[in-house]
Amino acid sequence: MKSLYVDFDEEKIISNLEEVVPLFPLGNMVFFPNTVIPLHIFEERYKQMIEDSVSSHNLICMTLMDDDEKDDNISISKVGCIGRIISNEEADEGRKNIILYGISRIQINEIIYSKPYRQAKIGIIKSQTTEDSEPLFKRITDLVGEWNLLLDDYNDNYKIKVDSSSSLSKLTDSLSSIIVSSSSERQYLLEELDEAKRATKVIEVLESRIDYLMGKLEIPDKDSSSIN
């Protein structure tokens, strides 16, 4: 295992970000800031992409591929996420197992085909913070607590851990990546720049999942005051 530099300055990376970065589109994969994803790389062009990235800035842009990849004329989402390679493992037959850490939302302004893999001209997209983050944060953490309580003695693998010191934006991004099943809905949450609207959507998903789980476990409905 080759571990790369993890304790990096995200703001410095963003402020010095190159305009053109490697682009890796994948179907059903929506990558969020402040999350990590493992990737198994076996195509020659993408192995070359990893080697080029590791030898320079360790950055890769991920975006959702809308159609099955049959040729280079695919449809991809114009909003993605720039990530940094934090782990790079050489596997059998030159294959690579990497881990990406999401840094920031980006806008894809142009796709470049000068290398075996795609590159993209990108621009950083910043979220819009809200002054009312505290009640939204509390509602989400209360619902996560309700979810975890329902899973006691059932399946600990599906319990959700929340960092109480996290920001609302980081919390909604991390939860969006694990509780929202539809790739189109995850892409909506990636493209939504208003953190309050993202938080509201996450709350709706958590409430729906809790209602579903209560029905599956045949648990009587509780008074709404228990999760407020």
Protein backbone atom coordinates (compact mmCIF):
# COMPACT_ATOMS: atom_id res chain seq x y z
CA MET A 1 0.00 0.00 0.00
CA LYS A 2 1.32 3.39 -0.96
CA SER A 3 -0.27 6.02 1.25
CA LEU A 4 -0.16 9.58 0.02
CA TYR A 5 -0.11 12.83 1.95
CA VAL A 6 -3.44 13.10 3.82
CA ASP A 7 -3.00 16.10 6.13
CA PHE A 8 -3.33 18.68 3.36
CA ASP A 9 -4.63 22.23 3.23
CA GLU A 10 -7.90 22.13 1.27
CA GLU A 11 -8.14 25.89 0.93
CA LYS A 12 -4.61 26.05 -0.46
CA ILE A 13 -5.42 23.33 -2.99
CA ILE A 14 -8.56 25.20 -4.09
CA SER A 15 -6.78 28.55 -4.35
CA ASN A 16 -3.97 27.00 -6.45
CA LEU A 17 -6.13 24.62 -8.44
CA GLU A 18 -5.08 24.10 -12.03
CA GLU A 19 -7.68 24.99 -14.62
CA VAL A 20 -7.35 21.62 -16.39
CA VAL A 21 -7.60 18.37 -14.41
CA PRO A 22 -8.15 14.68 -15.26
CA LEU A 23 -11.84 13.80 -15.61
CA PHE A 24 -13.26 10.43 -14.55
CA PRO A 25 -16.98 10.01 -15.41
CA LEU A 26 -18.81 7.03 -13.91
CA GLY A 27 -22.39 5.83 -14.15
CA ASN A 28 -24.39 5.82 -10.88
CA MET A 29 -21.49 7.45 -9.03
CA VAL A 30 -22.00 10.88 -7.45
CA PHE A 31 -19.00 12.10 -5.47
CA PHE A 32 -19.47 14.66 -2.68
CA PRO A 33 -17.01 16.98 -0.92
CA ASN A 34 -15.83 15.78 2.50
CA THR A 35 -16.43 12.12 1.61
CA VAL A 36 -14.13 9.31 0.49
CA ILE A 37 -14.65 6.75 -2.27
CA PRO A 38 -12.58 3.69 -3.19
CA LEU A 39 -12.00 3.10 -6.91
CA HIS A 40 -10.68 0.01 -8.69
CA ILE A 41 -8.88 1.10 -11.86
CA PHE A 42 -8.27 -1.48 -14.59
CA GLU A 43 -8.66 0.32 -17.95
CA GLU A 44 -5.30 1.29 -19.44
CA ARG A 45 -6.28 4.89 -20.09
CA TYR A 46 -7.43 5.38 -16.53
CA LYS A 47 -4.33 3.69 -15.13
CA GLN A 48 -2.39 6.27 -17.12
CA MET A 49 -4.63 8.97 -15.65
CA ILE A 50 -3.77 7.86 -12.11
CA GLU A 51 -0.04 7.76 -12.88
CA ASP A 52 -0.15 11.26 -14.38
CA SER A 53 -2.13 12.60 -11.43
CA VAL A 54 0.13 11.04 -8.80
CA SER A 55 3.21 12.46 -10.52
CA SER A 56 1.78 15.99 -10.38
CA HIS A 57 -1.07 17.18 -8.16
CA ASN A 58 -2.89 13.99 -7.02
CA LEU A 59 -6.20 15.46 -8.19
CA ILE A 60 -9.04 13.89 -10.19
CA CYS A 61 -12.44 15.29 -11.10
CA MET A 62 -15.38 12.90 -10.75
CA THR A 63 -18.70 13.41 -12.50
CA LEU A 64 -21.85 11.41 -13.14
CA MET A 65 -22.07 9.72 -16.52
CA ASP A 66 -25.67 9.90 -17.73
CA ASP A 67 -25.49 7.13 -20.32
CA ASP A 68 -23.69 3.84 -20.79
CA GLU A 69 -20.20 4.54 -22.07
CA LYS A 70 -20.00 3.30 -25.65
CA ASP A 71 -17.73 5.97 -27.07
CA ASP A 72 -16.37 9.37 -26.17
CA ASN A 73 -19.61 11.11 -27.13
CA ILE A 74 -21.29 10.40 -23.80
CA SER A 75 -23.50 12.68 -21.79
CA ILE A 76 -22.05 13.73 -18.45
CA SER A 77 -23.25 16.02 -15.69
CA LYS A 78 -21.63 19.44 -15.75
CA VAL A 79 -21.37 19.65 -11.96
CA GLY A 80 -18.96 17.26 -10.27
CA CYS A 81 -16.46 17.07 -7.44
CA ILE A 82 -12.69 17.47 -7.42
CA GLY A 83 -10.96 14.90 -5.24
CA ARG A 84 -7.45 14.22 -4.01
CA ILE A 85 -5.87 10.76 -4.13
CA ILE A 86 -5.04 9.85 -0.53
CA SER A 87 -4.18 6.19 -1.11
CA ASN A 88 -2.79 4.39 -4.14
CA GLU A 89 -2.27 0.63 -4.15
CA GLU A 90 -0.79 -1.37 -7.02
CA ALA A 91 -2.78 -4.58 -7.55
CA ASP A 92 -2.40 -7.60 -9.86
CA GLU A 93 -1.68 -7.00 -13.56
CA GLY A 94 -0.95 -3.32 -12.96
CA ARG A 95 -4.42 -2.55 -11.71
CA LYS A 96 -4.78 0.22 -9.18
CA ASN A 97 -6.88 0.62 -6.06
CA ILE A 98 -7.17 4.23 -5.04
CA ILE A 99 -9.08 6.23 -2.46
CA LEU A 100 -10.29 9.75 -3.28
CA TYR A 101 -11.16 12.43 -0.75
CA GLY A 102 -13.67 15.02 -2.01
CA ILE A 103 -12.52 18.62 -1.79
CA SER A 104 -15.00 20.86 -3.61
CA ARG A 105 -17.91 21.05 -6.02
CA ILE A 106 -16.81 22.07 -9.50
CA GLN A 107 -18.36 23.22 -12.75
CA ILE A 108 -17.12 21.54 -15.92
CA ASN A 109 -16.64 24.25 -18.51
CA GLU A 110 -14.99 22.25 -21.28
CA ILE A 111 -13.92 18.65 -21.93
CA ILE A 112 -10.50 18.11 -23.51
CA TYR A 113 -9.51 14.99 -25.47
CA SER A 114 -5.77 15.54 -25.93
CA LYS A 115 -4.82 12.47 -23.83
CA PRO A 116 -6.04 8.86 -23.74
CA TYR A 117 -8.37 9.89 -20.91
CA ARG A 118 -10.58 12.95 -20.69
CA GLN A 119 -9.52 16.19 -19.06
CA ALA A 120 -11.72 19.09 -18.10
CA LYS A 121 -11.46 22.83 -17.69
CA ILE A 122 -13.19 23.46 -14.38
CA GLY A 123 -14.23 26.18 -11.99
CA ILE A 124 -14.83 25.94 -8.25
CA ILE A 125 -18.43 26.20 -7.01
CA LYS A 126 -19.03 27.42 -3.47
CA SER A 127 -22.03 26.55 -1.31
CA GLN A 128 -24.34 29.18 0.14
CA THR A 129 -24.38 29.00 3.93
CA THR A 130 -27.44 29.70 6.06
CA GLU A 131 -27.79 31.59 9.32
CA ASP A 132 -30.35 29.03 10.49
CA SER A 133 -27.99 26.05 10.41
CA GLU A 134 -28.35 25.12 14.10
CA PRO A 135 -32.02 23.95 14.05
CA LEU A 136 -31.43 22.07 10.79
CA PHE A 137 -28.31 20.43 12.20
CA LYS A 138 -30.19 19.45 15.37
CA ARG A 139 -33.12 18.02 13.41
CA ILE A 140 -30.78 15.89 11.35
CA THR A 141 -28.84 14.60 14.36
CA ASP A 142 -32.11 13.84 16.20
CA LEU A 143 -33.33 11.83 13.22
CA VAL A 144 -30.01 9.99 12.98
CA GLY A 145 -30.35 9.15 16.66
CA GLU A 146 -33.88 7.85 16.02
CA TRP A 147 -32.60 5.76 13.10
CA ASN A 148 -29.76 4.27 15.14
CA LEU A 149 -32.10 3.51 18.04
CA LEU A 150 -34.42 1.58 15.74
CA LEU A 151 -31.46 -0.51 14.59
CA ASP A 152 -30.43 -1.56 18.11
CA ASP A 153 -30.15 -5.37 18.24
CA TYR A 154 -30.99 -5.48 14.52
CA ASN A 155 -28.10 -4.46 12.26
CA ASP A 156 -25.30 -2.25 13.54
CA ASN A 157 -23.74 -2.09 10.07
CA TYR A 158 -26.44 0.34 8.96
CA LYS A 159 -26.08 2.73 11.87
CA ILE A 160 -24.97 6.25 11.03
CA LYS A 161 -22.16 8.07 12.81
CA VAL A 162 -22.36 11.86 13.06
CA ASP A 163 -19.53 14.22 13.95
CA SER A 164 -21.14 16.77 16.26
CA SER A 165 -18.38 19.28 15.45
CA SER A 166 -19.07 19.12 11.71
CA SER A 167 -20.64 21.96 9.74
CA LEU A 168 -24.14 21.64 8.29
CA SER A 169 -22.70 21.56 4.78
CA LYS A 170 -20.31 18.71 5.59
CA LEU A 171 -23.04 16.82 7.42
CA THR A 172 -25.50 17.02 4.54
CA ASP A 173 -22.85 16.05 1.99
CA SER A 174 -21.75 12.99 3.94
CA LEU A 175 -25.33 11.86 4.56
CA SER A 176 -26.32 12.49 0.94
CA SER A 177 -23.62 10.05 -0.14
CA ILE A 178 -24.91 7.22 2.08
CA ILE A 179 -28.69 7.55 2.56
CA VAL A 180 -29.85 8.75 -0.87
CA SER A 181 -30.17 5.74 -3.16
CA SER A 182 -31.06 7.37 -6.49
CA SER A 183 -28.13 8.73 -8.48
CA SER A 184 -30.36 11.46 -9.94
CA GLU A 185 -31.37 12.60 -6.44
CA ARG A 186 -27.74 12.53 -5.30
CA GLN A 187 -26.81 14.62 -8.34
CA TYR A 188 -29.58 17.07 -7.42
CA LEU A 189 -28.08 17.40 -3.94
CA LEU A 190 -24.61 17.91 -5.41
CA GLU A 191 -25.89 20.66 -7.70
CA GLU A 192 -27.95 22.37 -5.00
CA LEU A 193 -25.72 25.11 -3.63
CA ASP A 194 -28.06 26.24 -0.82
CA GLU A 195 -27.04 24.19 2.22
CA ALA A 196 -30.42 24.80 3.88
CA LYS A 197 -32.24 23.25 0.91
CA ARG A 198 -29.85 20.31 0.93
CA ALA A 199 -30.44 19.85 4.65
CA THR A 200 -34.21 19.94 4.15
CA LYS A 201 -33.96 17.22 1.51
CA VAL A 202 -31.77 15.08 3.78
CA ILE A 203 -34.34 15.50 6.57
CA GLU A 204 -37.09 14.32 4.21
CA VAL A 205 -35.07 11.25 3.24
CA LEU A 206 -34.30 10.39 6.87
CA GLU A 207 -37.95 10.77 7.89
CA SER A 208 -39.01 8.53 5.00
CA ARG A 209 -36.43 5.88 5.87
CA ILE A 210 -37.43 5.91 9.53
CA ASP A 211 -41.11 5.47 8.61
CA TYR A 212 -40.19 2.59 6.31
CA LEU A 213 -37.97 0.93 8.89
CA MET A 214 -40.65 1.21 11.58
CA GLY A 215 -43.05 -0.56 9.24
CA LYS A 216 -40.55 -3.30 8.39
CA LEU A 217 -39.75 -3.90 12.05
CA GLU A 218 -43.45 -3.64 12.97
CA ILE A 219 -42.70 -0.99 15.57
CA PRO A 220 -45.68 1.10 16.68
CA ASP A 221 -45.52 4.70 15.54
CA LYS A 222 -44.23 7.08 18.18
CA ASP A 223 -45.47 10.50 19.15
CA SER A 224 -43.79 13.07 16.90
CA SER A 225 -42.46 14.88 19.96
CA SER A 226 -40.01 12.04 20.51
CA ILE A 227 -37.87 13.11 17.55
CA ASN A 228 -38.28 16.87 17.72
